Amino acid sequence: MKTQTKKNSPEKTVAYVKNGMDLSVTYSSPSKKDRIIFGELVPYDVVWRTGANEPTTFSTTSDIKIAGENLPAGTYSLWTRPSRQSWSVIFNKNIPDWGVSILSGGKETNRVPKEDVVEIEIPTEQTAETIENFTIDFDMQNQLYMLISWDRTLVKVPISK
């Protein structure tokens, strides 16, 4: 099943190794395919595994801050709760095999809330162009951001040492 779904949502890894940080994110990247993404395919105000297939993982080899909140060195599952104006971004110690319950038809995550380490609220931005493939990347501007983008939505998660 995993091999089959990765044909439609290929696995990607992005890394940032500078300024005393060694970060990586591994995720599966679904396509928009003329679908309405946020509010329909990905419902508002419900925790999402943030990508397709297995949960997205975020790794850091050193202690960092996510929007001012301490995140110890380690590997975490990355979850989000998209809303119209902002997203909750959640880093969780537990990394389940699949990320959603098969019995729920994929509608319910199997995140373990008591294992949440950091949860922050980030305002969304609208992009000028439609982003066809779900994308996570790092961008150094006046500070480092982890960018989460898809369709016309962009979330910029600030990261610092």
C-alpha atoms as a PDB file:
ATOM      1  CA  MET A   1       0.000   0.000   0.000  1.00  0.00           C
ATOM      2  CA  LYS A   2       2.803   2.455   0.880  1.00  0.00           C
ATOM      3  CA  THR A   3       4.572   1.826  -2.440  1.00  0.00           C
ATOM      4  CA  GLN A   4       1.334   2.422  -4.339  1.00  0.00           C
ATOM      5  CA  THR A   5       0.490   5.713  -2.598  1.00  0.00           C
ATOM      6  CA  LYS A   6       4.019   7.091  -3.017  1.00  0.00           C
ATOM      7  CA  LYS A   7       3.549   7.002  -6.798  1.00  0.00           C
ATOM      8  CA  ASN A   8       0.905   9.736  -6.357  1.00  0.00           C
ATOM      9  CA  SER A   9       2.526  11.517  -3.409  1.00  0.00           C
ATOM     10  CA  PRO A  10       6.303  11.090  -3.680  1.00  0.00           C
ATOM     11  CA  GLU A  11       8.478  11.238  -0.573  1.00  0.00           C
ATOM     12  CA  LYS A  12      10.770  14.263  -0.292  1.00  0.00           C
ATOM     13  CA  THR A  13      13.436  15.350   2.173  1.00  0.00           C
ATOM     14  CA  VAL A  14      14.659  18.913   2.677  1.00  0.00           C
ATOM     15  CA  ALA A  15      17.572  19.951   4.870  1.00  0.00           C
ATOM     16  CA  TYR A  16      19.093  23.069   6.365  1.00  0.00           C
ATOM     17  CA  VAL A  17      22.684  22.797   7.617  1.00  0.00           C
ATOM     18  CA  LYS A  18      23.989  26.282   8.494  1.00  0.00           C
ATOM     19  CA  ASN A  19      24.329  28.691  11.396  1.00  0.00           C
ATOM     20  CA  GLY A  20      24.900  25.900  13.917  1.00  0.00           C
ATOM     21  CA  MET A  21      21.701  24.093  12.913  1.00  0.00           C
ATOM     22  CA  ASP A  22      21.258  20.715  11.228  1.00  0.00           C
ATOM     23  CA  LEU A  23      17.563  20.302  10.377  1.00  0.00           C
ATOM     24  CA  SER A  24      15.681  17.981   8.042  1.00  0.00           C
ATOM     25  CA  VAL A  25      12.067  17.334   7.122  1.00  0.00           C
ATOM     26  CA  THR A  26      10.812  14.192   5.376  1.00  0.00           C
ATOM     27  CA  TYR A  27       7.293  14.316   3.931  1.00  0.00           C
ATOM     28  CA  SER A  28       5.097  13.005   1.125  1.00  0.00           C
ATOM     29  CA  SER A  29       4.026  15.570  -1.468  1.00  0.00           C
ATOM     30  CA  PRO A  30       0.504  15.185  -2.903  1.00  0.00           C
ATOM     31  CA  SER A  31      -0.677  17.230  -5.902  1.00  0.00           C
ATOM     32  CA  LYS A  32      -3.599  19.657  -6.056  1.00  0.00           C
ATOM     33  CA  LYS A  33      -5.098  18.093  -9.225  1.00  0.00           C
ATOM     34  CA  ASP A  34      -7.857  20.740  -9.575  1.00  0.00           C
ATOM     35  CA  ARG A  35      -9.157  19.953  -6.068  1.00  0.00           C
ATOM     36  CA  ILE A  36     -10.143  22.475  -3.414  1.00  0.00           C
ATOM     37  CA  ILE A  37      -7.504  21.741  -0.788  1.00  0.00           C
ATOM     38  CA  PHE A  38      -8.098  23.668   2.444  1.00  0.00           C
ATOM     39  CA  GLY A  39     -11.601  23.536   3.806  1.00  0.00           C
ATOM     40  CA  GLU A  40     -12.470  20.469   1.683  1.00  0.00           C
ATOM     41  CA  LEU A  41      -9.748  17.850   1.028  1.00  0.00           C
ATOM     42  CA  VAL A  42      -8.010  19.056   4.208  1.00  0.00           C
ATOM     43  CA  PRO A  43     -10.822  20.197   6.538  1.00  0.00           C
ATOM     44  CA  TYR A  44     -10.476  23.338   8.615  1.00  0.00           C
ATOM     45  CA  ASP A  45     -10.001  23.059  12.384  1.00  0.00           C
ATOM     46  CA  VAL A  46      -9.071  19.343  12.295  1.00  0.00           C
ATOM     47  CA  VAL A  47      -5.568  17.967  12.947  1.00  0.00           C
ATOM     48  CA  TRP A  48      -3.888  16.923   9.662  1.00  0.00           C
ATOM     49  CA  ARG A  49      -0.847  14.683   9.275  1.00  0.00           C
ATOM     50  CA  THR A  50       0.628  17.444   7.075  1.00  0.00           C
ATOM     51  CA  GLY A  51       1.232  15.667   3.796  1.00  0.00           C
ATOM     52  CA  ALA A  52       0.315  12.197   2.614  1.00  0.00           C
ATOM     53  CA  ASN A  53       1.239   8.622   3.520  1.00  0.00           C
ATOM     54  CA  GLU A  54       3.316   8.382   6.726  1.00  0.00           C
ATOM     55  CA  PRO A  55       3.451  11.359   9.094  1.00  0.00           C
ATOM     56  CA  THR A  56       5.855  14.129   8.196  1.00  0.00           C
ATOM     57  CA  THR A  57       8.985  14.044  10.374  1.00  0.00           C
ATOM     58  CA  PHE A  58      11.111  16.968  11.543  1.00  0.00           C
ATOM     59  CA  SER A  59      14.641  16.333  12.874  1.00  0.00           C
ATOM     60  CA  THR A  60      17.095  18.623  14.628  1.00  0.00           C
ATOM     61  CA  THR A  61      20.515  17.634  15.967  1.00  0.00           C
ATOM     62  CA  SER A  62      20.544  20.520  18.473  1.00  0.00           C
ATOM     63  CA  ASP A  63      18.087  22.305  20.736  1.00  0.00           C
ATOM     64  CA  ILE A  64      16.248  25.042  18.799  1.00  0.00           C
ATOM     65  CA  LYS A  65      13.323  27.417  19.222  1.00  0.00           C
ATOM     66  CA  ILE A  66      10.147  27.252  17.158  1.00  0.00           C
ATOM     67  CA  ALA A  67       8.470  30.687  17.312  1.00  0.00           C
ATOM     68  CA  GLY A  68      10.217  31.187  20.660  1.00  0.00           C
ATOM     69  CA  GLU A  69       9.210  27.774  22.105  1.00  0.00           C
ATOM     70  CA  ASN A  70      11.981  25.326  23.066  1.00  0.00           C
ATOM     71  CA  LEU A  71      12.275  22.186  20.920  1.00  0.00           C
ATOM     72  CA  PRO A  72      14.972  19.765  22.175  1.00  0.00           C
ATOM     73  CA  ALA A  73      17.225  17.891  19.738  1.00  0.00           C
ATOM     74  CA  GLY A  74      15.431  14.850  18.290  1.00  0.00           C
ATOM     75  CA  THR A  75      13.009  13.619  15.637  1.00  0.00           C
ATOM     76  CA  TYR A  76       9.338  14.561  15.803  1.00  0.00           C
ATOM     77  CA  SER A  77       6.161  13.953  13.863  1.00  0.00           C
ATOM     78  CA  LEU A  78       4.819  17.229  12.429  1.00  0.00           C
ATOM     79  CA  TRP A  79       1.074  17.869  12.565  1.00  0.00           C
ATOM     80  CA  THR A  80      -0.986  20.917  11.685  1.00  0.00           C
ATOM     81  CA  ARG A  81      -4.512  22.161  12.342  1.00  0.00           C
ATOM     82  CA  PRO A  82      -5.329  24.432   9.380  1.00  0.00           C
ATOM     83  CA  SER A  83      -7.867  27.215   9.877  1.00  0.00           C
ATOM     84  CA  ARG A  84      -8.823  30.022   7.509  1.00  0.00           C
ATOM     85  CA  GLN A  85      -6.582  32.698   9.047  1.00  0.00           C
ATOM     86  CA  SER A  86      -3.943  30.664  10.926  1.00  0.00           C
ATOM     87  CA  TRP A  87      -2.569  27.179  11.497  1.00  0.00           C
ATOM     88  CA  SER A  88      -1.569  25.379  14.656  1.00  0.00           C
ATOM     89  CA  VAL A  89       1.790  23.689  14.035  1.00  0.00           C
ATOM     90  CA  ILE A  90       2.477  20.748  16.354  1.00  0.00           C
ATOM     91  CA  PHE A  91       5.740  18.878  17.028  1.00  0.00           C
ATOM     92  CA  ASN A  92       5.071  15.484  18.657  1.00  0.00           C
ATOM     93  CA  LYS A  93       7.484  12.905  20.160  1.00  0.00           C
ATOM     94  CA  ASN A  94       5.462   9.929  18.872  1.00  0.00           C
ATOM     95  CA  ILE A  95       5.909   8.893  15.224  1.00  0.00           C
ATOM     96  CA  PRO A  96       3.124   6.480  14.214  1.00  0.00           C
ATOM     97  CA  ASP A  97       3.473   4.172  11.195  1.00  0.00           C
ATOM     98  CA  TRP A  98       0.793   5.678   8.981  1.00  0.00           C
ATOM     99  CA  GLY A  99      -0.536   8.876  10.548  1.00  0.00           C
ATOM    100  CA  VAL A 100      -4.226   8.177  10.078  1.00  0.00           C
ATOM    101  CA  SER A 101      -6.602   5.476  11.183  1.00  0.00           C
ATOM    102  CA  ILE A 102      -7.482   3.072   8.375  1.00  0.00           C
ATOM    103  CA  LEU A 103     -10.811   2.340  10.099  1.00  0.00           C
ATOM    104  CA  SER A 104     -11.754   6.026   9.815  1.00  0.00           C
ATOM    105  CA  GLY A 105     -11.069   5.956   6.079  1.00  0.00           C
ATOM    106  CA  GLY A 106      -8.134   8.288   6.670  1.00  0.00           C
ATOM    107  CA  LYS A 107     -10.246  11.012   8.305  1.00  0.00           C
ATOM    108  CA  GLU A 108      -8.823  10.643  11.845  1.00  0.00           C
ATOM    109  CA  THR A 109      -5.162  10.970  12.756  1.00  0.00           C
ATOM    110  CA  ASN A 110      -3.472   8.629  15.199  1.00  0.00           C
ATOM    111  CA  ARG A 111      -1.462  11.453  16.798  1.00  0.00           C
ATOM    112  CA  VAL A 112      -0.945  11.017  20.555  1.00  0.00           C
ATOM    113  CA  PRO A 113      -1.738  14.513  21.962  1.00  0.00           C
ATOM    114  CA  LYS A 114      -0.025  13.884  25.315  1.00  0.00           C
ATOM    115  CA  GLU A 115       3.245  13.488  23.347  1.00  0.00           C
ATOM    116  CA  ASP A 116       3.040  17.052  21.918  1.00  0.00           C
ATOM    117  CA  VAL A 117       6.222  18.987  22.686  1.00  0.00           C
ATOM    118  CA  VAL A 118       5.505  22.308  20.955  1.00  0.00           C
ATOM    119  CA  GLU A 119       2.258  23.728  19.568  1.00  0.00           C
ATOM    120  CA  ILE A 120       2.264  27.213  18.076  1.00  0.00           C
ATOM    121  CA  GLU A 121      -0.229  29.316  16.118  1.00  0.00           C
ATOM    122  CA  ILE A 122       1.036  30.839  12.842  1.00  0.00           C
ATOM    123  CA  PRO A 123      -0.951  33.227  10.608  1.00  0.00           C
ATOM    124  CA  THR A 124      -1.425  32.093   7.009  1.00  0.00           C
ATOM    125  CA  GLU A 125      -0.409  34.079   3.956  1.00  0.00           C
ATOM    126  CA  GLN A 126      -1.940  33.845   0.484  1.00  0.00           C
ATOM    127  CA  THR A 127       0.454  33.143  -2.379  1.00  0.00           C
ATOM    128  CA  ALA A 128       0.329  35.004  -5.692  1.00  0.00           C
ATOM    129  CA  GLU A 129       0.461  31.734  -7.637  1.00  0.00           C
ATOM    130  CA  THR A 130      -1.170  28.359  -7.065  1.00  0.00           C
ATOM    131  CA  ILE A 131       1.293  25.783  -5.704  1.00  0.00           C
ATOM    132  CA  GLU A 132       0.464  22.454  -7.355  1.00  0.00           C
ATOM    133  CA  ASN A 133       2.457  20.153  -5.057  1.00  0.00           C
ATOM    134  CA  PHE A 134       2.412  20.241  -1.266  1.00  0.00           C
ATOM    135  CA  THR A 135       5.830  21.620  -0.304  1.00  0.00           C
ATOM    136  CA  ILE A 136       7.924  22.070   2.826  1.00  0.00           C
ATOM    137  CA  ASP A 137      11.177  23.991   2.554  1.00  0.00           C
ATOM    138  CA  PHE A 138      13.565  26.162   4.543  1.00  0.00           C
ATOM    139  CA  ASP A 139      14.136  29.841   3.753  1.00  0.00           C
ATOM    140  CA  MET A 140      16.629  32.185   5.388  1.00  0.00           C
ATOM    141  CA  GLN A 141      15.396  35.772   5.319  1.00  0.00           C
ATOM    142  CA  ASN A 142      16.017  38.038   8.321  1.00  0.00           C
ATOM    143  CA  GLN A 143      15.762  34.712  10.170  1.00  0.00           C
ATOM    144  CA  LEU A 144      15.191  31.049   9.299  1.00  0.00           C
ATOM    145  CA  TYR A 145      11.697  29.898   8.397  1.00  0.00           C
ATOM    146  CA  MET A 146      10.250  26.478   7.639  1.00  0.00           C
ATOM    147  CA  LEU A 147       7.796  27.149   4.826  1.00  0.00           C
ATOM    148  CA  ILE A 148       4.697  24.965   4.395  1.00  0.00           C
ATOM    149  CA  SER A 149       2.831  25.711   1.162  1.00  0.00           C
ATOM    150  CA  TRP A 150       0.111  24.266  -1.038  1.00  0.00           C
ATOM    151  CA  ASP A 151      -2.599  25.612  -3.292  1.00  0.00           C
ATOM    152  CA  ARG A 152      -2.632  29.357  -2.421  1.00  0.00           C
ATOM    153  CA  THR A 153      -1.639  29.000   1.252  1.00  0.00           C
ATOM    154  CA  LEU A 154       1.751  29.679   2.874  1.00  0.00           C
ATOM    155  CA  VAL A 155       2.684  29.181   6.526  1.00  0.00           C
ATOM    156  CA  LYS A 156       6.072  30.534   7.707  1.00  0.00           C
ATOM    157  CA  VAL A 157       7.294  28.846  10.911  1.00  0.00           C
ATOM    158  CA  PRO A 158      10.138  30.846  12.540  1.00  0.00           C
ATOM    159  CA  ILE A 159      13.118  28.796  13.749  1.00  0.00           C
ATOM    160  CA  SER A 160      16.047  30.071  15.796  1.00  0.00           C
ATOM    161  CA  LYS A 161      18.923  28.745  17.906  1.00  0.00           C
END
